[in-house]
Protein backbone atom coordinates (compact mmCIF):
# COMPACT_ATOMS: atom_id res chain seq x y z
CA UNK A 1 -9.01 36.08 -3.24
CA UNK A 2 -11.23 37.63 -5.64
CA UNK A 3 -10.14 35.91 -8.45
CA UNK A 4 -11.04 32.76 -6.11
CA UNK A 5 -14.44 33.69 -5.26
CA UNK A 6 -15.07 34.84 -8.93
CA UNK A 7 -14.25 31.67 -10.65
CA UNK A 8 -16.68 29.34 -8.69
CA UNK A 9 -19.16 31.96 -8.14
CA UNK A 10 -19.51 32.45 -11.56
CA UNK A 11 -18.60 29.26 -12.96
CA UNK A 12 -21.30 28.37 -15.29
CA UNK A 13 -20.89 31.44 -17.42
CA UNK A 14 -17.66 31.39 -17.32
CA UNK A 15 -17.13 28.06 -19.53
CA UNK A 16 -19.74 26.57 -21.69
CA UNK A 17 -21.05 23.27 -22.28
CA UNK A 18 -19.25 22.43 -25.76
CA UNK A 19 -15.84 23.78 -23.24
CA UNK A 20 -16.81 21.20 -20.95
CA UNK A 21 -17.17 18.25 -23.80
CA UNK A 22 -13.65 19.81 -25.41
CA UNK A 23 -12.48 19.46 -21.79
CA UNK A 24 -13.45 15.93 -21.31
CA UNK A 25 -12.22 14.81 -24.74
CA UNK A 26 -9.11 16.41 -23.76
CA UNK A 27 -8.23 14.46 -20.30
CA UNK A 28 -9.74 11.09 -22.12
CA UNK A 29 -6.64 11.64 -24.96
CA UNK A 30 -3.97 12.79 -22.68
CA UNK A 31 -4.65 9.67 -20.60
CA UNK A 32 -4.49 7.68 -23.83
CA UNK A 33 -0.91 9.79 -25.28
CA UNK A 34 0.27 9.43 -21.31
CA UNK A 35 0.02 5.75 -21.34
CA UNK A 36 2.11 5.42 -24.60
CA UNK A 37 5.40 4.74 -24.05
CA UNK A 38 8.19 7.58 -25.67
CA UNK A 39 5.10 9.79 -26.91
CA UNK A 40 3.76 11.72 -23.11
CA UNK A 41 1.86 14.87 -23.43
CA UNK A 42 4.31 17.21 -24.84
CA UNK A 43 3.95 15.74 -27.79
CA UNK A 44 0.39 15.21 -27.66
CA UNK A 45 -0.31 19.07 -26.78
CA UNK A 46 2.23 20.12 -29.62
CA UNK A 47 0.28 18.18 -31.99
CA UNK A 48 -3.09 19.75 -30.44
CA UNK A 49 -1.69 22.94 -31.52
CA UNK A 50 -2.84 23.21 -34.91
CA UNK A 51 -6.36 22.46 -34.26
CA UNK A 52 -6.79 25.50 -31.59
CA UNK A 53 -6.57 27.81 -34.60
CA UNK A 54 -10.17 28.54 -35.38
CA UNK A 55 -11.34 27.74 -31.84
CA UNK A 56 -12.27 30.16 -29.57
CA UNK A 57 -9.41 31.05 -26.68
CA UNK A 58 -11.43 29.13 -23.50
CA UNK A 59 -12.08 25.99 -25.70
CA UNK A 60 -8.36 25.66 -27.12
CA UNK A 61 -7.11 25.85 -23.55
CA UNK A 62 -9.45 23.08 -22.68
CA UNK A 63 -7.98 21.39 -25.20
CA UNK A 64 -4.70 21.61 -24.27
CA UNK A 65 -4.77 21.75 -20.54
CA UNK A 66 -6.96 18.73 -20.59
CA UNK A 67 -4.45 16.77 -22.51
CA UNK A 68 -1.72 18.06 -20.39
CA UNK A 69 -3.36 17.18 -17.18
CA UNK A 70 -4.66 13.29 -18.76
CA UNK A 71 -1.22 13.19 -20.15
CA UNK A 72 0.81 13.67 -16.66
CA UNK A 73 -1.66 10.86 -15.36
CA UNK A 74 -1.98 8.67 -18.02
CA UNK A 75 1.69 7.02 -17.42
CA UNK A 76 0.88 5.58 -14.55
CA UNK A 77 -1.03 2.76 -16.19
CA UNK A 78 1.57 1.72 -17.95
CA UNK A 79 4.22 2.15 -15.37
CA UNK A 80 1.67 -0.33 -13.43
CA UNK A 81 0.16 -2.99 -15.72
CA UNK A 82 3.41 -3.29 -18.45
CA UNK A 83 6.45 -2.18 -16.14
CA UNK A 84 7.05 0.78 -18.11
CA UNK A 85 6.49 4.63 -17.42
CA UNK A 86 4.63 5.90 -20.26
CA UNK A 87 5.92 9.24 -18.93
CA UNK A 88 9.12 10.57 -17.18
CA UNK A 89 7.09 11.57 -14.09
CA UNK A 90 5.97 7.89 -14.09
CA UNK A 91 9.05 6.38 -13.32
CA UNK A 92 9.02 6.61 -9.87
CA UNK A 93 5.47 5.92 -8.96
CA UNK A 94 6.50 2.49 -10.94
CA UNK A 95 9.20 1.55 -8.46
CA UNK A 96 5.98 0.61 -5.77
CA UNK A 97 2.56 0.47 -8.39
CA UNK A 98 4.63 -2.38 -10.54
CA UNK A 99 5.43 -4.72 -7.12
CA UNK A 100 1.54 -3.80 -6.51
CA UNK A 101 -0.04 -5.48 -9.81
CA UNK A 102 2.58 -8.51 -9.66
CA UNK A 103 1.18 -9.01 -6.09
CA UNK A 104 -2.42 -8.73 -8.00
CA UNK A 105 -3.49 -5.80 -6.55
CA UNK A 106 -3.11 -3.87 -10.30
CA UNK A 107 -6.47 -2.38 -9.74
CA UNK A 108 -5.64 -0.92 -6.45
CA UNK A 109 -2.31 0.79 -7.69
CA UNK A 110 -4.34 2.67 -10.61
CA UNK A 111 -6.93 3.55 -8.47
CA UNK A 112 -4.72 5.12 -5.58
CA UNK A 113 -3.03 6.92 -8.99
CA UNK A 114 -5.87 8.31 -9.79
CA UNK A 115 -6.74 9.41 -6.45
CA UNK A 116 -3.28 10.98 -6.02
CA UNK A 117 -3.50 12.12 -9.25
CA UNK A 118 -7.01 13.86 -8.63
CA UNK A 119 -5.95 15.59 -5.18
CA UNK A 120 -3.00 16.68 -6.64
CA UNK A 121 -4.57 17.96 -9.47
CA UNK A 122 -7.30 20.08 -7.60
CA UNK A 123 -5.06 21.09 -4.98
CA UNK A 124 -2.40 22.71 -7.76
CA UNK A 125 -5.78 24.45 -8.79
CA UNK A 126 -7.00 25.94 -5.94
CA UNK A 127 -3.41 27.40 -5.13
CA UNK A 128 -3.42 28.36 -8.95
CA UNK A 129 -6.76 30.18 -8.76
CA UNK A 130 -6.34 31.83 -5.22
CA UNK A 131 -2.49 33.02 -4.77
CA UNK A 132 -1.05 32.71 -8.65
CA UNK A 133 0.27 36.38 -8.61
CA UNK A 134 1.36 35.86 -4.90
CA UNK A 135 3.46 32.68 -5.23
CA UNK A 136 5.15 33.73 -8.44
CA UNK A 137 6.32 36.79 -7.06
CA UNK A 138 8.05 34.65 -4.28
CA UNK A 139 9.20 32.52 -7.30
CA UNK A 140 11.26 35.60 -8.25
CA UNK A 141 13.36 35.36 -5.68
CA UNK A 142 14.59 32.54 -6.37
CA UNK A 143 18.19 32.50 -8.32
CA UNK A 144 20.65 30.12 -9.49
CA UNK A 145 22.31 29.17 -6.07
CA UNK A 146 18.54 28.54 -4.73
CA UNK A 147 17.42 26.44 -7.92
CA UNK A 148 21.24 24.44 -7.71
CA UNK A 149 20.57 23.52 -3.96
CA UNK A 150 16.93 22.20 -4.93
CA UNK A 151 18.50 19.91 -7.43
CA UNK A 152 21.22 18.90 -5.36
CA UNK A 153 18.41 17.94 -2.70
CA UNK A 154 16.41 16.05 -5.41
CA UNK A 155 20.00 14.02 -6.12
CA UNK A 156 20.30 13.04 -2.39
CA UNK A 157 17.19 10.12 -3.13
CA UNK A 158 19.65 8.31 -5.14
CA UNK A 159 20.76 5.91 -2.32
CA UNK A 160 17.20 5.58 -1.41
CA UNK A 161 16.07 3.84 -5.04
CA UNK A 162 18.30 1.48 -5.00
CA UNK A 163 15.97 -1.20 -3.50
CA UNK A 164 18.46 -2.19 -0.43
CA UNK A 165 21.84 -1.09 -1.24
CA UNK A 166 22.64 2.29 -1.84
CA UNK A 167 26.20 2.30 -3.33
CA UNK A 168 24.36 0.65 -6.18
CA UNK A 169 21.90 3.17 -6.25
CA UNK A 170 24.65 6.33 -6.01
CA UNK A 171 26.62 4.21 -8.75
CA UNK A 172 23.75 4.37 -11.44
CA UNK A 173 23.06 8.03 -10.61
CA UNK A 174 26.19 9.06 -11.42
CA UNK A 175 25.90 7.00 -14.41
CA UNK A 176 23.27 9.27 -15.21
CA UNK A 177 25.16 12.00 -14.54
CA UNK A 178 28.03 10.77 -16.81
CA UNK A 179 25.52 10.31 -19.63
CA UNK A 180 24.02 13.87 -19.24
CA UNK A 181 26.94 15.01 -19.16
CA UNK A 182 27.36 14.26 -23.13
CA UNK A 183 27.40 17.07 -25.22
CA UNK A 184 28.34 20.92 -25.27
CA UNK A 185 29.13 22.18 -21.94
CA UNK A 186 26.01 24.42 -20.98
CA UNK A 187 28.37 27.64 -19.94
CA UNK A 188 31.42 27.27 -22.45
CA UNK A 189 29.79 25.42 -25.45
CA UNK A 190 33.10 22.96 -25.42
CA UNK A 191 32.03 19.57 -26.85
CA UNK A 192 32.22 16.44 -23.84
CA UNK A 193 32.03 13.13 -24.90
CA UNK A 194 31.21 13.36 -28.24
CA UNK A 195 33.94 11.84 -29.97
CA UNK A 196 33.52 13.79 -33.03
CA UNK A 197 29.79 13.12 -33.46
CA UNK A 198 27.67 15.65 -34.50
CA UNK A 199 24.69 13.82 -33.18
CA UNK A 200 26.20 13.81 -29.77
CA UNK A 201 26.56 17.23 -29.74
CA UNK A 202 23.57 17.57 -29.02
CA UNK A 203 23.28 15.51 -26.16
CA UNK A 204 21.33 12.24 -25.38
CA UNK A 205 17.58 13.10 -24.98
CA UNK A 206 15.48 12.00 -22.53
CA UNK A 207 12.86 10.22 -24.46
CA UNK A 208 15.46 7.74 -26.21
CA UNK A 209 17.09 6.84 -22.62
CA UNK A 210 13.71 6.20 -20.47
CA UNK A 211 11.86 4.08 -23.08
CA UNK A 212 15.00 2.07 -23.90
CA UNK A 213 16.50 1.46 -19.92
CA UNK A 214 12.39 0.54 -18.99
CA UNK A 215 10.54 -0.29 -22.11
CA UNK A 216 12.84 -2.36 -24.29
CA UNK A 217 14.90 -3.84 -21.43
CA UNK A 218 10.99 -4.82 -20.36
CA UNK A 219 10.52 -6.78 -23.48
CA UNK A 220 13.84 -8.46 -23.40
CA UNK A 221 13.31 -9.14 -19.52
CA UNK A 222 9.51 -10.69 -20.72
CA UNK A 223 11.06 -12.59 -23.79
CA UNK A 224 13.25 -14.56 -21.28
CA UNK A 225 11.13 -15.02 -18.67
CA UNK A 226 7.18 -13.59 -18.92
CA UNK A 227 6.09 -12.28 -15.60
CA UNK A 228 2.78 -10.50 -15.83
CA UNK A 229 0.56 -8.33 -13.52
CA UNK A 230 -2.46 -10.20 -12.17
CA UNK A 231 -5.60 -8.69 -9.87
CA UNK A 232 -6.60 -11.07 -6.90
CA UNK A 233 -9.46 -8.93 -5.99
CA UNK A 234 -12.56 -7.30 -8.04
CA UNK A 235 -11.96 -3.76 -9.02
CA UNK A 236 -14.51 -2.23 -6.70
CA UNK A 237 -13.28 -4.08 -3.81
CA UNK A 238 -9.82 -2.72 -4.59
CA UNK A 239 -10.90 0.92 -5.55
CA UNK A 240 -12.68 0.65 -1.70
CA UNK A 241 -9.65 -0.42 -0.19
CA UNK A 242 -7.27 2.50 -2.16
CA UNK A 243 -10.30 5.04 -1.31
CA UNK A 244 -9.67 4.24 2.25
CA UNK A 245 -5.80 5.87 1.71
CA UNK A 246 -7.89 9.42 2.08
CA UNK A 247 -8.58 8.44 5.90
CA UNK A 248 -5.17 6.24 6.37
CA UNK A 249 -2.67 8.90 4.64
CA UNK A 250 -4.07 12.31 4.40
CA UNK A 251 -0.67 13.57 5.18
CA UNK A 252 1.28 12.11 2.29
CA UNK A 253 -1.44 13.63 -0.28
CA UNK A 254 -1.24 17.08 1.18
CA UNK A 255 3.00 17.03 1.61
CA UNK A 256 2.83 15.58 -1.47
CA UNK A 257 0.63 18.16 -3.21
CA UNK A 258 2.12 20.91 -2.22
CA UNK A 259 5.66 19.77 -2.96
CA UNK A 260 4.56 19.55 -6.41
CA UNK A 261 2.85 22.87 -6.63
CA UNK A 262 6.28 24.39 -5.19
CA UNK A 263 8.56 22.81 -7.74
CA UNK A 264 6.21 23.09 -9.88
CA UNK A 265 6.41 27.14 -9.68
CA UNK A 266 10.19 26.97 -10.29
CA UNK A 267 11.38 26.97 -14.24
CA UNK A 268 12.78 24.42 -15.36
CA UNK A 269 12.75 21.62 -12.59
CA UNK A 270 9.66 19.91 -13.73
CA UNK A 271 7.40 16.79 -12.48
CA UNK A 272 10.59 14.25 -12.59
CA UNK A 273 11.82 15.93 -9.95
CA UNK A 274 8.56 16.79 -8.01
CA UNK A 275 8.19 13.12 -7.92
CA UNK A 276 10.85 11.90 -6.61
CA UNK A 277 11.17 14.35 -3.97
CA UNK A 278 7.58 13.24 -2.50
CA UNK A 279 8.48 9.43 -2.54
CA UNK A 280 11.65 10.64 -0.77
CA UNK A 281 9.84 12.43 1.53
CA UNK A 282 7.08 9.30 1.74
CA UNK A 283 9.94 7.00 2.27
CA UNK A 284 11.01 9.39 5.47
CA UNK A 285 7.60 8.38 6.89
CA UNK A 286 7.02 4.80 5.95
CA UNK A 287 4.44 3.37 8.50
CA UNK A 288 4.84 0.67 10.53
CA UNK A 289 3.75 -3.03 9.22
CA UNK A 290 3.40 -1.32 5.50
CA UNK A 291 5.81 -3.01 2.65
CA UNK A 292 9.05 -1.67 2.02
CA UNK A 293 9.51 0.99 -0.70
CA UNK A 294 10.22 -0.49 -4.00
CA UNK A 295 8.05 -3.64 -3.24
CA UNK A 296 4.73 -2.27 -3.11
CA UNK A 297 4.36 0.28 -0.64
CA UNK A 298 0.82 2.28 -1.56
CA UNK A 299 2.54 5.63 -0.24
CA UNK A 300 4.69 5.54 -2.48
CA UNK A 301 2.28 5.23 -5.46
CA UNK A 302 0.23 8.26 -3.82
CA UNK A 303 3.31 10.56 -3.33
CA UNK A 304 4.99 10.46 -6.82
CA UNK A 305 1.50 10.40 -8.71
CA UNK A 306 0.02 13.57 -6.57
CA UNK A 307 3.00 15.49 -7.10
CA UNK A 308 3.28 14.94 -10.63
CA UNK A 309 -0.32 16.16 -11.24
CA UNK A 310 -0.05 19.26 -8.95
CA UNK A 311 3.10 20.38 -10.44
CA UNK A 312 0.84 21.04 -13.95
CA UNK A 313 -1.05 24.11 -11.66
CA UNK A 314 2.21 25.18 -10.12
CA UNK A 315 3.50 25.67 -13.34
CA UNK A 316 0.63 27.60 -14.85
CA UNK A 317 1.35 30.34 -12.03
CA UNK A 318 4.67 32.25 -13.68
CA UNK A 319 3.61 31.34 -17.17
CA UNK A 320 -0.01 33.33 -16.17
CA UNK A 321 1.45 36.16 -13.55
CA UNK A 322 4.81 36.66 -15.35
CA UNK A 323 4.79 35.34 -18.68
CA UNK A 324 7.44 32.34 -17.83
CA UNK A 325 6.99 29.28 -18.53
CA UNK A 326 7.58 26.65 -15.89
CA UNK A 327 8.25 23.74 -18.09
CA UNK A 328 8.66 22.47 -21.35
CA UNK A 329 4.54 21.48 -21.92
CA UNK A 330 3.67 25.17 -20.47
CA UNK A 331 5.71 26.96 -23.10
CA UNK A 332 3.54 25.22 -25.64
CA UNK A 333 0.36 26.32 -23.88
CA UNK A 334 1.85 29.83 -23.70
CA UNK A 335 2.46 29.35 -27.59
CA UNK A 336 -1.26 28.14 -27.52
CA UNK A 337 -2.42 31.83 -25.69
CA UNK A 338 -0.50 33.87 -27.76
CA UNK A 339 -1.68 31.76 -31.06
CA UNK A 340 -5.07 33.51 -29.63
CA UNK A 341 -4.02 37.02 -29.44
CA UNK A 342 -3.68 36.88 -25.39
CA UNK A 343 -0.02 37.84 -24.22
CA UNK A 344 0.79 36.00 -20.80
CA UNK A 345 1.72 38.52 -17.74
CA UNK A 346 0.17 40.93 -15.65
CA UNK A 347 -1.37 42.20 -18.13
CA UNK A 348 -3.32 39.50 -19.18
CA UNK A 349 -5.06 39.68 -15.65
CA UNK A 350 -6.32 42.97 -16.58
CA UNK A 351 -7.33 42.99 -20.42
CA UNK A 352 -8.47 39.42 -20.57
CA UNK A 353 -9.76 38.33 -17.13
CA UNK A 354 -12.92 36.45 -18.83
CA UNK A 355 -9.67 34.33 -20.16
CA UNK A 356 -7.93 34.20 -17.10
CA UNK A 357 -10.76 32.96 -15.12
CA UNK A 358 -11.83 30.40 -18.17
CA UNK A 359 -8.35 28.89 -17.99
CA UNK A 360 -8.78 28.56 -13.58
CA UNK A 361 -11.98 26.90 -14.12
CA UNK A 362 -11.18 24.74 -16.94
CA UNK A 363 -7.88 23.12 -14.68
CA UNK A 364 -9.99 22.84 -11.41
CA UNK A 365 -12.75 20.87 -13.50
CA UNK A 366 -9.85 19.15 -15.61
CA UNK A 367 -8.60 17.67 -12.30
CA UNK A 368 -12.18 16.59 -11.33
CA UNK A 369 -12.85 14.34 -14.80
CA UNK A 370 -9.99 12.44 -14.24
CA UNK A 371 -11.42 10.65 -11.14
CA UNK A 372 -14.34 9.20 -12.94
CA UNK A 373 -12.14 9.06 -16.24
CA UNK A 374 -9.40 7.16 -14.87
CA UNK A 375 -11.50 5.20 -12.29
CA UNK A 376 -13.20 4.12 -15.73
CA UNK A 377 -9.66 2.76 -17.07
CA UNK A 378 -9.47 0.34 -14.42
CA UNK A 379 -12.17 -1.97 -16.68
CA UNK A 380 -9.79 -1.32 -19.39
CA UNK A 381 -6.79 -2.56 -17.27
CA UNK A 382 -8.24 -5.42 -15.92
CA UNK A 383 -9.22 -6.20 -19.92
CA UNK A 384 -5.36 -5.65 -21.13
CA UNK A 385 -4.29 -8.34 -18.26
CA UNK A 386 -6.13 -10.79 -19.98
CA UNK A 387 -4.25 -10.45 -23.28
CA UNK A 388 -1.64 -12.44 -24.26
CA UNK A 389 1.57 -11.78 -23.08
CA UNK A 390 3.44 -11.49 -25.91
CA UNK A 391 0.81 -9.63 -28.07
CA UNK A 392 1.39 -7.05 -25.48
CA UNK A 393 5.21 -6.69 -25.62
CA UNK A 394 4.92 -6.64 -29.46
CA UNK A 395 2.77 -3.64 -29.11
CA UNK A 396 5.06 -2.05 -26.75
CA UNK A 397 7.75 -2.53 -28.87
CA UNK A 398 6.08 -1.00 -32.32
CA UNK A 399 4.99 1.64 -29.80
CA UNK A 400 8.14 2.33 -28.42
CA UNK A 401 10.16 2.69 -31.78
CA UNK A 402 7.66 4.97 -33.05
CA UNK A 403 6.72 7.18 -30.60
CA UNK A 404 10.94 7.47 -30.10
CA UNK A 405 10.91 8.53 -33.43
CA UNK A 406 8.09 10.79 -33.56
CA UNK A 407 9.67 13.01 -31.05
CA UNK A 408 12.48 14.29 -32.88
CA UNK A 409 12.14 12.50 -36.07
CA UNK A 410 15.93 11.39 -35.97
CA UNK A 411 16.80 8.03 -37.02
CA UNK A 412 19.37 8.15 -34.95
CA UNK A 413 17.17 8.23 -31.89
CA UNK A 414 15.96 4.62 -32.58
CA UNK A 415 19.71 3.49 -32.10
CA UNK A 416 20.09 5.24 -29.18
CA UNK A 417 16.89 3.23 -27.67
CA UNK A 418 18.21 0.13 -28.71
CA UNK A 419 21.65 0.76 -26.96
CA UNK A 420 20.00 2.12 -23.67
CA UNK A 421 17.80 -1.13 -23.76
CA UNK A 422 20.31 -3.34 -23.73
CA UNK A 423 22.08 -1.34 -21.33
CA UNK A 424 18.81 -1.44 -19.16
CA UNK A 425 18.62 -5.53 -19.81
CA UNK A 426 22.27 -5.80 -18.42
CA UNK A 427 21.52 -3.57 -15.48
CA UNK A 428 18.32 -4.94 -14.31
CA UNK A 429 20.07 -8.72 -14.98
CA UNK A 430 22.66 -7.85 -12.41
CA UNK A 431 20.53 -6.14 -10.20
CA UNK A 432 21.34 -2.53 -10.40
CA UNK A 433 18.34 0.06 -10.12
CA UNK A 434 17.35 1.80 -12.98
CA UNK A 435 15.38 4.61 -11.46
CA UNK A 436 18.64 6.63 -10.28
CA UNK A 437 19.92 6.74 -13.31
CA UNK A 438 16.76 8.90 -14.28
CA UNK A 439 17.00 10.86 -11.42
CA UNK A 440 21.02 11.66 -11.99
CA UNK A 441 20.07 12.51 -15.84
CA UNK A 442 17.49 15.15 -15.11
CA UNK A 443 18.56 16.61 -11.92
CA UNK A 444 22.78 16.79 -12.95
CA UNK A 445 22.34 19.45 -15.81
CA UNK A 446 20.00 21.32 -13.48
CA UNK A 447 22.52 21.56 -11.00
CA UNK A 448 25.98 21.83 -13.35
CA UNK A 449 24.36 24.73 -15.29
CA UNK A 450 22.66 26.77 -11.93
CA UNK A 451 25.73 25.88 -9.71
CA UNK A 452 28.61 27.12 -12.19
CA UNK A 453 26.35 30.22 -12.71
CA UNK A 454 26.17 30.78 -8.86
CA UNK A 455 30.11 30.50 -8.93
CA UNK A 456 30.40 32.83 -11.60
CA UNK A 457 28.11 35.62 -10.16
CA UNK A 458 29.83 35.18 -6.81
CA UNK A 459 33.20 35.79 -8.44
CA UNK A 460 34.74 32.61 -6.54
CA UNK A 461 33.90 33.79 -3.22
CA UNK A 462 30.98 30.80 -3.01
CA UNK A 463 30.91 30.53 0.58
CA UNK A 464 30.38 34.34 1.02
CA UNK A 465 27.94 34.49 -1.36
CA UNK A 466 26.01 31.90 -0.30
CA UNK A 467 25.33 33.49 3.30
CA UNK A 468 23.49 36.11 1.92
CA UNK A 469 20.88 33.81 0.16
CA UNK A 470 19.31 32.12 3.55
CA UNK A 471 17.08 29.95 1.05
CA UNK A 472 19.87 28.70 -0.49
CA UNK A 473 21.48 28.06 3.03
CA UNK A 474 18.30 26.48 4.09
CA UNK A 475 18.20 23.73 1.37
CA UNK A 476 22.11 23.22 1.69
CA UNK A 477 21.56 22.60 5.41
CA UNK A 478 18.48 20.20 4.74
CA UNK A 479 20.54 18.22 2.07
CA UNK A 480 23.47 17.79 5.01
CA UNK A 481 20.67 16.20 7.48
CA UNK A 482 18.85 13.59 4.57
CA UNK A 483 23.04 12.55 3.57
CA UNK A 484 24.61 12.41 7.29
CA UNK A 485 21.26 11.10 9.09
CA UNK A 486 21.40 7.49 7.73
CA UNK A 487 25.14 7.64 8.93
CA UNK A 488 24.11 8.32 12.47
CA UNK A 489 21.13 6.28 12.52
CA UNK A 490 23.92 3.64 11.63
CA UNK A 491 26.39 4.63 14.23
CA UNK A 492 23.89 4.56 16.76
CA UNK A 493 23.95 2.70 19.68
CA UNK A 494 20.73 1.50 19.44
CA UNK A 495 21.10 0.14 15.68
CA UNK A 496 24.26 -1.60 16.38
CA UNK A 497 22.57 -3.79 19.32
CA UNK A 498 19.76 -4.83 16.74
CA UNK A 499 22.77 -5.72 14.32
CA UNK A 500 24.38 -8.00 16.50
CA UNK A 501 21.43 -9.66 17.17
């Protein structure tokens, strides 16, 4: 508790006014970067690293963490207004935010995203400040078996993300798994489905897949039959309605935030997993009278945005306490600290406590700053909704192409983008959901790598080994229940009577 108390009682002495200005700039820049399809917070943080060379450590982290927090939220803007997730983490947000926007509730959807991101960030900041070393120590107990089971739990969301047809959801999920299998085997290094191509040997990367499936396909659909989001209510009225969700849906905010923090602590899983896990949990607690999930349910927006923002604080916990980055963006943040001559880890809490407190304070203030900045962007959303649709789509196409190329600077990634754009267009025309493809693509390699490591560690006796891992067995039991429960419901007498009626 000592770091927690010291951070809040000594806040004015921990960060200066100039540090706060840098943080505000970083959060605002991150929101813009996150809203650009194919760019995302990772590229934003990487591009900002050179500007931190001659900055003080706290100011440098203010810029980098601000971009991280703002970028994690910014993708929700594009997901709501244009129907394209600006970041992979906002793919789950789009499932309900976009239908809300098409039904005249764009400002409400953006406000819900802003509230969710703020609460998720504040919650993860409190956890980061209060119990970072303790939670990081618990995370060390998670081996390949536990990580594999959590990835498997995430894969159980495939059927629920299908918009009414679980079979289609599972089919698209397996398509994502198949695409993820392209490249080198993660254990043996043998080429799979590469057809002798050096480019395919490196595997399909997430950015061209995601931007192609959602962005290019949306441009093609809009060119064929334009549909645009709109607002039937004033921004103030929509915001007031969204703020009431704090009273009406507090459990969803808390549950999703804690899910995001927990997933963030586990290295290598990331915000996409947290978003869909929280979305799946919210789906199981749907309120009577609310729209179906995937048709504009506010709980879907709240769950996704709260969870993916809470991941940011959770991912910092093992980095600061154990020098283990929780995701690629945090790995870059870790590099930013090392460039300042500060080595993350236990010694950091002994030798650089002012910097530690500075990071704590920056992260907490960044989450709070996100609220007024995010609400300020609502007016920008209203302005964007009035632009000509063809102009928006041309801009989206240009940003998608440039952003995808800028990530790796490979022209073949642009070809991959176009290919998956056509695939996404055909799938959407046939009424197949795209979200399960992303879930399968992201979680498939995590499950495969860690499951195969578990098999190697168990020396072939997998069941006996899992019985010695109570956390893994508990998660596996949850997986079994989540898969069997829908079948039991369909076979229950009450359900049968309803279906016959």
